[in-house]
């Protein structure tokens, strides 16, 4: 059994209306994730707007996360960076708070050069001492390594303990990686906002790393699947698909719009570029949320979130 498995939502960075980091708001969302039964938490990821944070903000929030968590759940720290030295700094900060792993994108600087990429990851592990989760995302976020390349990289870098596979078709890749990296990595996770989560679980993924706005539903979905209640897991999946489809377009803006409606944050400010929800989108979001109100209550403040869905 893999050390890490289950629902590991991406913790967003919450900002004040003026754009400053809102540590209290981010902490409040973190507590909601734990109260919802998340197996662990990932920060920062794309849904955290990590590329909109300064290096110091990332380091400071990593320290905050360790203080908020106090060892309650495994934490995966995002350490993707343009340079090895910066990735090491983020990974070491993760090590200092007891991170279970660091998640790192395949670096663009080494695209097409697998030996150089192997050296990068071996150096990162040697200098930080933290197990690595290789995040294989497609361009432009990552470089979308092929299955053979991921297998080769995992075999040549002992520090790679996990793979998060997000290059399409992720299901086919997860099948191959689950079979072919069994001796070199502990497990494979799915991503892509949990839009393909049941297919990924069928094919050998041990968990998922979605955006966080409906964490309790994802937790219930995976619990039902693990218990053999596959029909109920599919009911939950199908009921949330319209919201996930909207989330695929608006990303962090959709996440924060829902969190604000749930009373978890005061401001839905984002730094990252992308389409904003107009008045019609806001009305559509209200309709979608009303149709799953029994699953996603709008008063889910920490301490009152429903852990189990009937």
C-alpha atoms as a PDB file:
ATOM      1  CA  UNK A   1       0.000   0.000   0.000  1.00  0.00           C
ATOM      2  CA  UNK A   2       1.351   3.394  -0.997  1.00  0.00           C
ATOM      3  CA  UNK A   3       2.247   5.807   1.789  1.00  0.00           C
ATOM      4  CA  UNK A   4       0.250   8.526   0.024  1.00  0.00           C
ATOM      5  CA  UNK A   5      -3.185   7.819  -1.407  1.00  0.00           C
ATOM      6  CA  UNK A   6      -6.683   9.284  -1.538  1.00  0.00           C
ATOM      7  CA  UNK A   7      -7.860  12.848  -2.100  1.00  0.00           C
ATOM      8  CA  UNK A   8      -5.093  15.461  -1.975  1.00  0.00           C
ATOM      9  CA  UNK A   9      -6.763  18.749  -2.960  1.00  0.00           C
ATOM     10  CA  UNK A  10      -4.717  21.729  -4.086  1.00  0.00           C
ATOM     11  CA  UNK A  11      -4.825  24.489  -1.483  1.00  0.00           C
ATOM     12  CA  UNK A  12      -5.443  27.824  -3.245  1.00  0.00           C
ATOM     13  CA  UNK A  13      -3.688  31.017  -2.229  1.00  0.00           C
ATOM     14  CA  UNK A  14      -6.317  33.383  -0.873  1.00  0.00           C
ATOM     15  CA  UNK A  15      -5.788  37.089  -1.447  1.00  0.00           C
ATOM     16  CA  UNK A  16      -7.298  40.202   0.072  1.00  0.00           C
ATOM     17  CA  UNK A  17      -9.284  42.382  -2.306  1.00  0.00           C
ATOM     18  CA  UNK A  18      -6.195  44.556  -2.794  1.00  0.00           C
ATOM     19  CA  UNK A  19      -4.109  41.577  -3.922  1.00  0.00           C
ATOM     20  CA  UNK A  20      -2.124  40.926  -0.741  1.00  0.00           C
ATOM     21  CA  UNK A  21      -1.821  37.344   0.496  1.00  0.00           C
ATOM     22  CA  UNK A  22      -4.567  36.553   3.017  1.00  0.00           C
ATOM     23  CA  UNK A  23      -2.940  34.088   5.399  1.00  0.00           C
ATOM     24  CA  UNK A  24      -6.035  33.821   7.604  1.00  0.00           C
ATOM     25  CA  UNK A  25      -8.254  33.107   4.597  1.00  0.00           C
ATOM     26  CA  UNK A  26      -5.831  30.502   3.277  1.00  0.00           C
ATOM     27  CA  UNK A  27      -5.715  28.884   6.720  1.00  0.00           C
ATOM     28  CA  UNK A  28      -9.504  28.800   6.827  1.00  0.00           C
ATOM     29  CA  UNK A  29      -9.637  26.906   3.525  1.00  0.00           C
ATOM     30  CA  UNK A  30      -6.960  24.521   4.811  1.00  0.00           C
ATOM     31  CA  UNK A  31      -9.103  23.716   7.843  1.00  0.00           C
ATOM     32  CA  UNK A  32     -12.093  23.137   5.565  1.00  0.00           C
ATOM     33  CA  UNK A  33     -10.060  20.584   3.587  1.00  0.00           C
ATOM     34  CA  UNK A  34      -9.098  18.672   6.705  1.00  0.00           C
ATOM     35  CA  UNK A  35     -12.633  18.880   8.073  1.00  0.00           C
ATOM     36  CA  UNK A  36     -13.866  17.443   4.783  1.00  0.00           C
ATOM     37  CA  UNK A  37     -11.703  14.363   5.248  1.00  0.00           C
ATOM     38  CA  UNK A  38      -8.914  15.091   2.759  1.00  0.00           C
ATOM     39  CA  UNK A  39      -6.120  12.519   3.012  1.00  0.00           C
ATOM     40  CA  UNK A  40      -3.567  15.274   2.566  1.00  0.00           C
ATOM     41  CA  UNK A  41      -2.997  18.666   0.967  1.00  0.00           C
ATOM     42  CA  UNK A  42      -0.871  19.964  -1.897  1.00  0.00           C
ATOM     43  CA  UNK A  43       0.578  23.496  -1.962  1.00  0.00           C
ATOM     44  CA  UNK A  44       1.384  25.307  -4.128  1.00  0.00           C
ATOM     45  CA  UNK A  45       0.035  23.927  -7.391  1.00  0.00           C
ATOM     46  CA  UNK A  46      -1.370  25.531 -10.487  1.00  0.00           C
ATOM     47  CA  UNK A  47      -4.672  26.051  -8.633  1.00  0.00           C
ATOM     48  CA  UNK A  48      -2.655  27.949  -5.991  1.00  0.00           C
ATOM     49  CA  UNK A  49      -1.538  30.462  -8.634  1.00  0.00           C
ATOM     50  CA  UNK A  50       1.998  29.451  -7.719  1.00  0.00           C
ATOM     51  CA  UNK A  51       3.498  31.245 -10.700  1.00  0.00           C
ATOM     52  CA  UNK A  52       1.905  34.491  -9.486  1.00  0.00           C
ATOM     53  CA  UNK A  53       3.582  34.267  -6.062  1.00  0.00           C
ATOM     54  CA  UNK A  54       6.980  35.729  -5.309  1.00  0.00           C
ATOM     55  CA  UNK A  55       9.631  33.252  -4.132  1.00  0.00           C
ATOM     56  CA  UNK A  56       9.408  34.732  -0.641  1.00  0.00           C
ATOM     57  CA  UNK A  57       5.628  34.410  -0.584  1.00  0.00           C
ATOM     58  CA  UNK A  58       5.953  30.736  -1.500  1.00  0.00           C
ATOM     59  CA  UNK A  59       8.497  30.147   1.229  1.00  0.00           C
ATOM     60  CA  UNK A  60       6.500  32.081   3.834  1.00  0.00           C
ATOM     61  CA  UNK A  61       3.272  30.225   3.005  1.00  0.00           C
ATOM     62  CA  UNK A  62       5.088  26.893   3.177  1.00  0.00           C
ATOM     63  CA  UNK A  63       6.182  27.802   6.709  1.00  0.00           C
ATOM     64  CA  UNK A  64       2.606  28.813   7.538  1.00  0.00           C
ATOM     65  CA  UNK A  65       1.310  25.519   6.217  1.00  0.00           C
ATOM     66  CA  UNK A  66       3.575  23.611   8.576  1.00  0.00           C
ATOM     67  CA  UNK A  67       2.275  25.660  11.512  1.00  0.00           C
ATOM     68  CA  UNK A  68      -1.364  25.152  10.491  1.00  0.00           C
ATOM     69  CA  UNK A  69      -0.980  21.445   9.863  1.00  0.00           C
ATOM     70  CA  UNK A  70       1.010  20.387  12.924  1.00  0.00           C
ATOM     71  CA  UNK A  71       1.530  16.948  11.394  1.00  0.00           C
ATOM     72  CA  UNK A  72      -2.172  16.141  11.071  1.00  0.00           C
ATOM     73  CA  UNK A  73      -2.066  15.057   7.416  1.00  0.00           C
ATOM     74  CA  UNK A  74       0.654  14.448   4.825  1.00  0.00           C
ATOM     75  CA  UNK A  75       1.572  17.586   2.929  1.00  0.00           C
ATOM     76  CA  UNK A  76       3.016  17.691  -0.587  1.00  0.00           C
ATOM     77  CA  UNK A  77       4.914  20.870  -1.379  1.00  0.00           C
ATOM     78  CA  UNK A  78       5.036  22.143  -4.942  1.00  0.00           C
ATOM     79  CA  UNK A  79       8.686  22.808  -5.800  1.00  0.00           C
ATOM     80  CA  UNK A  80       8.462  23.498  -9.528  1.00  0.00           C
ATOM     81  CA  UNK A  81      10.826  26.275 -10.560  1.00  0.00           C
ATOM     82  CA  UNK A  82      12.836  27.589 -13.502  1.00  0.00           C
ATOM     83  CA  UNK A  83      16.185  26.779 -11.874  1.00  0.00           C
ATOM     84  CA  UNK A  84      17.543  23.907  -9.821  1.00  0.00           C
ATOM     85  CA  UNK A  85      18.618  26.213  -6.993  1.00  0.00           C
ATOM     86  CA  UNK A  86      15.125  27.663  -6.647  1.00  0.00           C
ATOM     87  CA  UNK A  87      13.523  24.198  -6.754  1.00  0.00           C
ATOM     88  CA  UNK A  88      15.931  23.089  -4.028  1.00  0.00           C
ATOM     89  CA  UNK A  89      14.990  26.096  -1.887  1.00  0.00           C
ATOM     90  CA  UNK A  90      11.305  25.216  -2.129  1.00  0.00           C
ATOM     91  CA  UNK A  91      12.006  21.526  -1.467  1.00  0.00           C
ATOM     92  CA  UNK A  92      14.174  22.308   1.569  1.00  0.00           C
ATOM     93  CA  UNK A  93      11.392  24.531   2.923  1.00  0.00           C
ATOM     94  CA  UNK A  94       9.090  21.546   2.489  1.00  0.00           C
ATOM     95  CA  UNK A  95      11.555  19.335   4.310  1.00  0.00           C
ATOM     96  CA  UNK A  96      11.613  21.782   7.223  1.00  0.00           C
ATOM     97  CA  UNK A  97       7.844  21.387   7.741  1.00  0.00           C
ATOM     98  CA  UNK A  98       7.960  17.612   7.355  1.00  0.00           C
ATOM     99  CA  UNK A  99       6.561  17.370   3.827  1.00  0.00           C
ATOM    100  CA  UNK A 100       5.873  13.829   2.679  1.00  0.00           C
ATOM    101  CA  UNK A 101       6.964  14.708  -0.864  1.00  0.00           C
ATOM    102  CA  UNK A 102       7.675  17.573  -3.217  1.00  0.00           C
ATOM    103  CA  UNK A 103       5.795  17.814  -6.511  1.00  0.00           C
ATOM    104  CA  UNK A 104       7.915  19.029  -9.414  1.00  0.00           C
ATOM    105  CA  UNK A 105       7.061  19.658 -13.055  1.00  0.00           C
ATOM    106  CA  UNK A 106       9.358  18.371 -15.759  1.00  0.00           C
ATOM    107  CA  UNK A 107      11.614  21.408 -16.368  1.00  0.00           C
ATOM    108  CA  UNK A 108      11.279  23.103 -19.762  1.00  0.00           C
ATOM    109  CA  UNK A 109      15.008  23.803 -19.787  1.00  0.00           C
ATOM    110  CA  UNK A 110      15.693  20.075 -20.255  1.00  0.00           C
ATOM    111  CA  UNK A 111      12.971  19.227 -22.766  1.00  0.00           C
ATOM    112  CA  UNK A 112      14.263  16.583 -25.155  1.00  0.00           C
ATOM    113  CA  UNK A 113      17.301  15.847 -22.969  1.00  0.00           C
ATOM    114  CA  UNK A 114      16.420  12.964 -20.646  1.00  0.00           C
ATOM    115  CA  UNK A 115      19.946  12.569 -19.180  1.00  0.00           C
ATOM    116  CA  UNK A 116      19.937  16.260 -18.191  1.00  0.00           C
ATOM    117  CA  UNK A 117      16.482  15.882 -16.684  1.00  0.00           C
ATOM    118  CA  UNK A 118      17.655  12.829 -14.739  1.00  0.00           C
ATOM    119  CA  UNK A 119      20.578  14.851 -13.385  1.00  0.00           C
ATOM    120  CA  UNK A 120      18.212  17.659 -12.389  1.00  0.00           C
ATOM    121  CA  UNK A 121      15.959  15.370 -10.357  1.00  0.00           C
ATOM    122  CA  UNK A 122      18.846  13.412  -8.817  1.00  0.00           C
ATOM    123  CA  UNK A 123      20.482  16.671  -7.715  1.00  0.00           C
ATOM    124  CA  UNK A 124      17.181  17.971  -6.343  1.00  0.00           C
ATOM    125  CA  UNK A 125      16.675  14.856  -4.241  1.00  0.00           C
ATOM    126  CA  UNK A 126      20.288  14.768  -3.057  1.00  0.00           C
ATOM    127  CA  UNK A 127      20.183  18.393  -1.921  1.00  0.00           C
ATOM    128  CA  UNK A 128      16.734  18.295  -0.285  1.00  0.00           C
ATOM    129  CA  UNK A 129      16.311  14.724   0.919  1.00  0.00           C
ATOM    130  CA  UNK A 130      12.574  14.808   0.179  1.00  0.00           C
ATOM    131  CA  UNK A 131      10.821  12.154  -1.950  1.00  0.00           C
ATOM    132  CA  UNK A 132       9.825  13.533  -5.349  1.00  0.00           C
ATOM    133  CA  UNK A 133       6.473  13.384  -7.085  1.00  0.00           C
ATOM    134  CA  UNK A 134       7.099  13.808 -10.799  1.00  0.00           C
ATOM    135  CA  UNK A 135       4.305  15.944 -12.252  1.00  0.00           C
ATOM    136  CA  UNK A 136       3.936  14.997 -15.904  1.00  0.00           C
ATOM    137  CA  UNK A 137       1.719  17.741 -17.278  1.00  0.00           C
ATOM    138  CA  UNK A 138       1.291  18.722 -20.939  1.00  0.00           C
ATOM    139  CA  UNK A 139       2.529  21.947 -22.477  1.00  0.00           C
ATOM    140  CA  UNK A 140       2.503  24.790 -21.740  1.00  0.00           C
ATOM    141  CA  UNK A 141       2.505  23.924 -18.035  1.00  0.00           C
ATOM    142  CA  UNK A 142       4.922  20.994 -18.448  1.00  0.00           C
ATOM    143  CA  UNK A 143       6.461  19.203 -21.417  1.00  0.00           C
ATOM    144  CA  UNK A 144       4.320  16.063 -21.491  1.00  0.00           C
ATOM    145  CA  UNK A 145       6.842  13.234 -21.332  1.00  0.00           C
ATOM    146  CA  UNK A 146       5.926  10.001 -23.100  1.00  0.00           C
ATOM    147  CA  UNK A 147       5.385   6.823 -21.110  1.00  0.00           C
ATOM    148  CA  UNK A 148       8.796   5.446 -22.086  1.00  0.00           C
ATOM    149  CA  UNK A 149      10.453   8.643 -20.895  1.00  0.00           C
ATOM    150  CA  UNK A 150       8.644   8.603 -17.548  1.00  0.00           C
ATOM    151  CA  UNK A 151       9.554   4.950 -17.023  1.00  0.00           C
ATOM    152  CA  UNK A 152      13.189   5.673 -17.860  1.00  0.00           C
ATOM    153  CA  UNK A 153      13.303   8.748 -15.635  1.00  0.00           C
ATOM    154  CA  UNK A 154      11.739   6.935 -12.685  1.00  0.00           C
ATOM    155  CA  UNK A 155      14.254   4.100 -13.057  1.00  0.00           C
ATOM    156  CA  UNK A 156      17.219   6.476 -13.199  1.00  0.00           C
ATOM    157  CA  UNK A 157      16.148   8.698 -10.286  1.00  0.00           C
ATOM    158  CA  UNK A 158      15.685   6.709  -7.051  1.00  0.00           C
ATOM    159  CA  UNK A 159      14.281   9.841  -5.395  1.00  0.00           C
ATOM    160  CA  UNK A 160      11.162   9.785  -7.594  1.00  0.00           C
ATOM    161  CA  UNK A 161       8.637   8.042  -5.357  1.00  0.00           C
ATOM    162  CA  UNK A 162       5.391   9.110  -7.063  1.00  0.00           C
ATOM    163  CA  UNK A 163       4.100  10.207 -10.450  1.00  0.00           C
ATOM    164  CA  UNK A 164       1.193  12.579 -11.046  1.00  0.00           C
ATOM    165  CA  UNK A 165       0.096  11.858 -14.592  1.00  0.00           C
ATOM    166  CA  UNK A 166      -1.856  14.602 -16.367  1.00  0.00           C
ATOM    167  CA  UNK A 167      -0.861  14.222 -20.008  1.00  0.00           C
ATOM    168  CA  UNK A 168      -3.739  12.993 -22.149  1.00  0.00           C
ATOM    169  CA  UNK A 169      -4.971  10.353 -22.471  1.00  0.00           C
ATOM    170  CA  UNK A 170      -4.182  10.084 -18.787  1.00  0.00           C
ATOM    171  CA  UNK A 171      -6.042   6.806 -18.341  1.00  0.00           C
ATOM    172  CA  UNK A 172      -3.926   4.954 -20.892  1.00  0.00           C
ATOM    173  CA  UNK A 173      -0.770   6.390 -19.384  1.00  0.00           C
ATOM    174  CA  UNK A 174      -1.784   5.500 -15.838  1.00  0.00           C
ATOM    175  CA  UNK A 175      -2.411   1.894 -16.903  1.00  0.00           C
ATOM    176  CA  UNK A 176       1.042   1.672 -18.431  1.00  0.00           C
ATOM    177  CA  UNK A 177       2.821   3.482 -15.609  1.00  0.00           C
ATOM    178  CA  UNK A 178       1.082   1.463 -12.880  1.00  0.00           C
ATOM    179  CA  UNK A 179       2.316  -1.700 -14.531  1.00  0.00           C
ATOM    180  CA  UNK A 180       5.782  -0.596 -15.613  1.00  0.00           C
ATOM    181  CA  UNK A 181       6.948   1.546 -12.698  1.00  0.00           C
ATOM    182  CA  UNK A 182       5.795  -0.794  -9.926  1.00  0.00           C
ATOM    183  CA  UNK A 183       9.398  -1.544  -8.964  1.00  0.00           C
ATOM    184  CA  UNK A 184      10.612   2.054  -9.064  1.00  0.00           C
ATOM    185  CA  UNK A 185       7.784   4.275  -7.745  1.00  0.00           C
ATOM    186  CA  UNK A 186       5.295   3.749  -4.954  1.00  0.00           C
ATOM    187  CA  UNK A 187       2.191   4.897  -6.804  1.00  0.00           C
ATOM    188  CA  UNK A 188       0.620   6.986  -9.537  1.00  0.00           C
ATOM    189  CA  UNK A 189      -1.868   9.809  -8.920  1.00  0.00           C
ATOM    190  CA  UNK A 190      -4.340  11.338 -11.334  1.00  0.00           C
ATOM    191  CA  UNK A 191      -4.916  15.047 -11.804  1.00  0.00           C
ATOM    192  CA  UNK A 192      -6.725  17.220 -14.350  1.00  0.00           C
ATOM    193  CA  UNK A 193      -9.199  18.459 -11.744  1.00  0.00           C
ATOM    194  CA  UNK A 194     -10.629  14.948 -11.121  1.00  0.00           C
ATOM    195  CA  UNK A 195     -12.540  15.118 -14.404  1.00  0.00           C
ATOM    196  CA  UNK A 196     -11.396  11.570 -15.210  1.00  0.00           C
ATOM    197  CA  UNK A 197     -11.036  10.274 -11.665  1.00  0.00           C
ATOM    198  CA  UNK A 198     -13.056   7.052 -11.915  1.00  0.00           C
ATOM    199  CA  UNK A 199     -11.271   5.973 -15.078  1.00  0.00           C
ATOM    200  CA  UNK A 200      -7.961   6.780 -13.377  1.00  0.00           C
ATOM    201  CA  UNK A 201      -8.867   4.692 -10.317  1.00  0.00           C
ATOM    202  CA  UNK A 202      -9.916   1.794 -12.532  1.00  0.00           C
ATOM    203  CA  UNK A 203      -6.544   1.945 -14.239  1.00  0.00           C
ATOM    204  CA  UNK A 204      -4.419   1.887 -11.086  1.00  0.00           C
ATOM    205  CA  UNK A 205      -4.236   5.443  -9.746  1.00  0.00           C
ATOM    206  CA  UNK A 206      -4.204   5.540  -5.941  1.00  0.00           C
ATOM    207  CA  UNK A 207      -5.663   9.015  -5.608  1.00  0.00           C
ATOM    208  CA  UNK A 208      -6.470  12.357  -7.153  1.00  0.00           C
ATOM    209  CA  UNK A 209      -5.395  15.978  -6.730  1.00  0.00           C
ATOM    210  CA  UNK A 210      -8.331  18.201  -7.649  1.00  0.00           C
ATOM    211  CA  UNK A 211      -9.159  21.824  -7.023  1.00  0.00           C
ATOM    212  CA  UNK A 212     -10.580  22.140  -3.539  1.00  0.00           C
ATOM    213  CA  UNK A 213     -14.062  23.668  -3.729  1.00  0.00           C
ATOM    214  CA  UNK A 214     -16.000  20.354  -3.422  1.00  0.00           C
ATOM    215  CA  UNK A 215     -13.498  18.334  -1.403  1.00  0.00           C
ATOM    216  CA  UNK A 216     -16.113  16.511   0.675  1.00  0.00           C
ATOM    217  CA  UNK A 217     -17.706  15.126  -2.505  1.00  0.00           C
ATOM    218  CA  UNK A 218     -14.380  13.865  -3.837  1.00  0.00           C
ATOM    219  CA  UNK A 219     -13.653  12.260  -0.467  1.00  0.00           C
ATOM    220  CA  UNK A 220     -17.045  10.532  -0.475  1.00  0.00           C
ATOM    221  CA  UNK A 221     -16.567   9.456  -4.088  1.00  0.00           C
ATOM    222  CA  UNK A 222     -13.227   7.769  -3.447  1.00  0.00           C
ATOM    223  CA  UNK A 223     -14.478   6.208  -0.212  1.00  0.00           C
ATOM    224  CA  UNK A 224     -17.444   4.710  -2.051  1.00  0.00           C
ATOM    225  CA  UNK A 225     -15.186   3.410  -4.809  1.00  0.00           C
ATOM    226  CA  UNK A 226     -12.807   1.799  -2.305  1.00  0.00           C
ATOM    227  CA  UNK A 227     -15.759   0.187  -0.497  1.00  0.00           C
ATOM    228  CA  UNK A 228     -17.012  -1.379  -3.706  1.00  0.00           C
ATOM    229  CA  UNK A 229     -19.964   0.993  -3.932  1.00  0.00           C
ATOM    230  CA  UNK A 230     -19.152   1.781  -7.544  1.00  0.00           C
ATOM    231  CA  UNK A 231     -22.671   2.835  -8.551  1.00  0.00           C
ATOM    232  CA  UNK A 232     -22.842   5.460  -5.814  1.00  0.00           C
ATOM    233  CA  UNK A 233     -19.368   6.701  -6.730  1.00  0.00           C
ATOM    234  CA  UNK A 234     -20.593   7.145 -10.306  1.00  0.00           C
ATOM    235  CA  UNK A 235     -23.697   9.002  -9.133  1.00  0.00           C
ATOM    236  CA  UNK A 236     -21.500  11.481  -7.255  1.00  0.00           C
ATOM    237  CA  UNK A 237     -19.165  11.797 -10.228  1.00  0.00           C
ATOM    238  CA  UNK A 238     -21.961  12.432 -12.708  1.00  0.00           C
ATOM    239  CA  UNK A 239     -23.684  14.959 -10.475  1.00  0.00           C
ATOM    240  CA  UNK A 240     -20.516  17.035 -10.183  1.00  0.00           C
ATOM    241  CA  UNK A 241     -19.505  16.941 -13.851  1.00  0.00           C
ATOM    242  CA  UNK A 242     -21.339  20.162 -14.862  1.00  0.00           C
ATOM    243  CA  UNK A 243     -19.459  22.078 -12.166  1.00  0.00           C
ATOM    244  CA  UNK A 244     -16.164  20.450 -13.163  1.00  0.00           C
ATOM    245  CA  UNK A 245     -16.800  21.413 -16.779  1.00  0.00           C
ATOM    246  CA  UNK A 246     -17.230  25.029 -15.717  1.00  0.00           C
ATOM    247  CA  UNK A 247     -14.156  24.761 -13.528  1.00  0.00           C
ATOM    248  CA  UNK A 248     -12.111  23.654 -16.554  1.00  0.00           C
ATOM    249  CA  UNK A 249     -12.790  27.056 -18.138  1.00  0.00           C
ATOM    250  CA  UNK A 250     -12.531  29.444 -15.189  1.00  0.00           C
ATOM    251  CA  UNK A 251     -10.086  27.485 -13.026  1.00  0.00           C
ATOM    252  CA  UNK A 252      -9.003  29.442  -9.901  1.00  0.00           C
ATOM    253  CA  UNK A 253     -11.776  32.012 -10.426  1.00  0.00           C
ATOM    254  CA  UNK A 254     -14.422  29.289 -10.243  1.00  0.00           C
ATOM    255  CA  UNK A 255     -12.759  27.754  -7.193  1.00  0.00           C
ATOM    256  CA  UNK A 256     -12.740  31.063  -5.338  1.00  0.00           C
ATOM    257  CA  UNK A 257     -16.270  31.970  -6.436  1.00  0.00           C
ATOM    258  CA  UNK A 258     -17.522  28.752  -4.856  1.00  0.00           C
ATOM    259  CA  UNK A 259     -15.399  29.156  -1.723  1.00  0.00           C
ATOM    260  CA  UNK A 260     -16.778  32.662  -1.267  1.00  0.00           C
ATOM    261  CA  UNK A 261     -20.350  31.408  -1.664  1.00  0.00           C
ATOM    262  CA  UNK A 262     -19.594  28.763   0.953  1.00  0.00           C
ATOM    263  CA  UNK A 263     -18.530  31.434   3.432  1.00  0.00           C
ATOM    264  CA  UNK A 264     -14.936  30.241   3.572  1.00  0.00           C
ATOM    265  CA  UNK A 265     -13.203  33.330   2.163  1.00  0.00           C
ATOM    266  CA  UNK A 266     -13.985  37.039   2.148  1.00  0.00           C
ATOM    267  CA  UNK A 267     -12.437  37.903  -1.223  1.00  0.00           C
ATOM    268  CA  UNK A 268     -12.332  35.960  -4.471  1.00  0.00           C
ATOM    269  CA  UNK A 269      -9.461  38.074  -5.840  1.00  0.00           C
ATOM    270  CA  UNK A 270      -7.077  36.309  -8.219  1.00  0.00           C
ATOM    271  CA  UNK A 271      -3.687  37.349  -9.561  1.00  0.00           C
ATOM    272  CA  UNK A 272      -3.494  34.881 -12.434  1.00  0.00           C
ATOM    273  CA  UNK A 273      -4.777  35.820 -15.894  1.00  0.00           C
ATOM    274  CA  UNK A 274      -7.766  34.094 -17.441  1.00  0.00           C
ATOM    275  CA  UNK A 275     -11.444  34.595 -18.230  1.00  0.00           C
ATOM    276  CA  UNK A 276     -13.616  36.129 -15.527  1.00  0.00           C
ATOM    277  CA  UNK A 277     -17.163  35.050 -14.725  1.00  0.00           C
ATOM    278  CA  UNK A 278     -19.673  37.542 -16.125  1.00  0.00           C
ATOM    279  CA  UNK A 279     -23.230  38.014 -14.855  1.00  0.00           C
ATOM    280  CA  UNK A 280     -24.567  35.079 -16.890  1.00  0.00           C
ATOM    281  CA  UNK A 281     -21.761  32.833 -15.622  1.00  0.00           C
ATOM    282  CA  UNK A 282     -22.560  33.831 -12.051  1.00  0.00           C
ATOM    283  CA  UNK A 283     -26.206  32.909 -12.555  1.00  0.00           C
ATOM    284  CA  UNK A 284     -25.226  29.595 -14.129  1.00  0.00           C
ATOM    285  CA  UNK A 285     -22.913  28.852 -11.215  1.00  0.00           C
ATOM    286  CA  UNK A 286     -25.757  29.514  -8.777  1.00  0.00           C
ATOM    287  CA  UNK A 287     -27.940  27.057 -10.708  1.00  0.00           C
ATOM    288  CA  UNK A 288     -25.264  24.367 -10.785  1.00  0.00           C
ATOM    289  CA  UNK A 289     -24.617  24.712  -7.066  1.00  0.00           C
ATOM    290  CA  UNK A 290     -28.337  24.630  -6.277  1.00  0.00           C
ATOM    291  CA  UNK A 291     -28.572  21.279  -8.068  1.00  0.00           C
ATOM    292  CA  UNK A 292     -25.949  19.727  -5.766  1.00  0.00           C
ATOM    293  CA  UNK A 293     -26.873  21.640  -2.612  1.00  0.00           C
ATOM    294  CA  UNK A 294     -27.362  18.365  -0.741  1.00  0.00           C
ATOM    295  CA  UNK A 295     -23.726  17.496  -1.491  1.00  0.00           C
ATOM    296  CA  UNK A 296     -22.146  20.940  -1.270  1.00  0.00           C
ATOM    297  CA  UNK A 297     -23.824  23.034   1.427  1.00  0.00           C
ATOM    298  CA  UNK A 298     -23.183  26.750   1.298  1.00  0.00           C
ATOM    299  CA  UNK A 299     -22.424  27.035   5.022  1.00  0.00           C
ATOM    300  CA  UNK A 300     -19.415  24.717   5.147  1.00  0.00           C
ATOM    301  CA  UNK A 301     -17.298  26.603   7.635  1.00  0.00           C
ATOM    302  CA  UNK A 302     -14.608  24.561   9.410  1.00  0.00           C
ATOM    303  CA  UNK A 303     -16.080  22.376  12.130  1.00  0.00           C
ATOM    304  CA  UNK A 304     -19.459  22.110  10.402  1.00  0.00           C
ATOM    305  CA  UNK A 305     -18.582  20.458   7.100  1.00  0.00           C
ATOM    306  CA  UNK A 306     -20.325  17.169   6.403  1.00  0.00           C
ATOM    307  CA  UNK A 307     -17.641  14.492   6.409  1.00  0.00           C
ATOM    308  CA  UNK A 308     -19.804  11.718   4.987  1.00  0.00           C
ATOM    309  CA  UNK A 309     -22.508  11.948   2.343  1.00  0.00           C
ATOM    310  CA  UNK A 310     -25.476   9.589   2.605  1.00  0.00           C
END
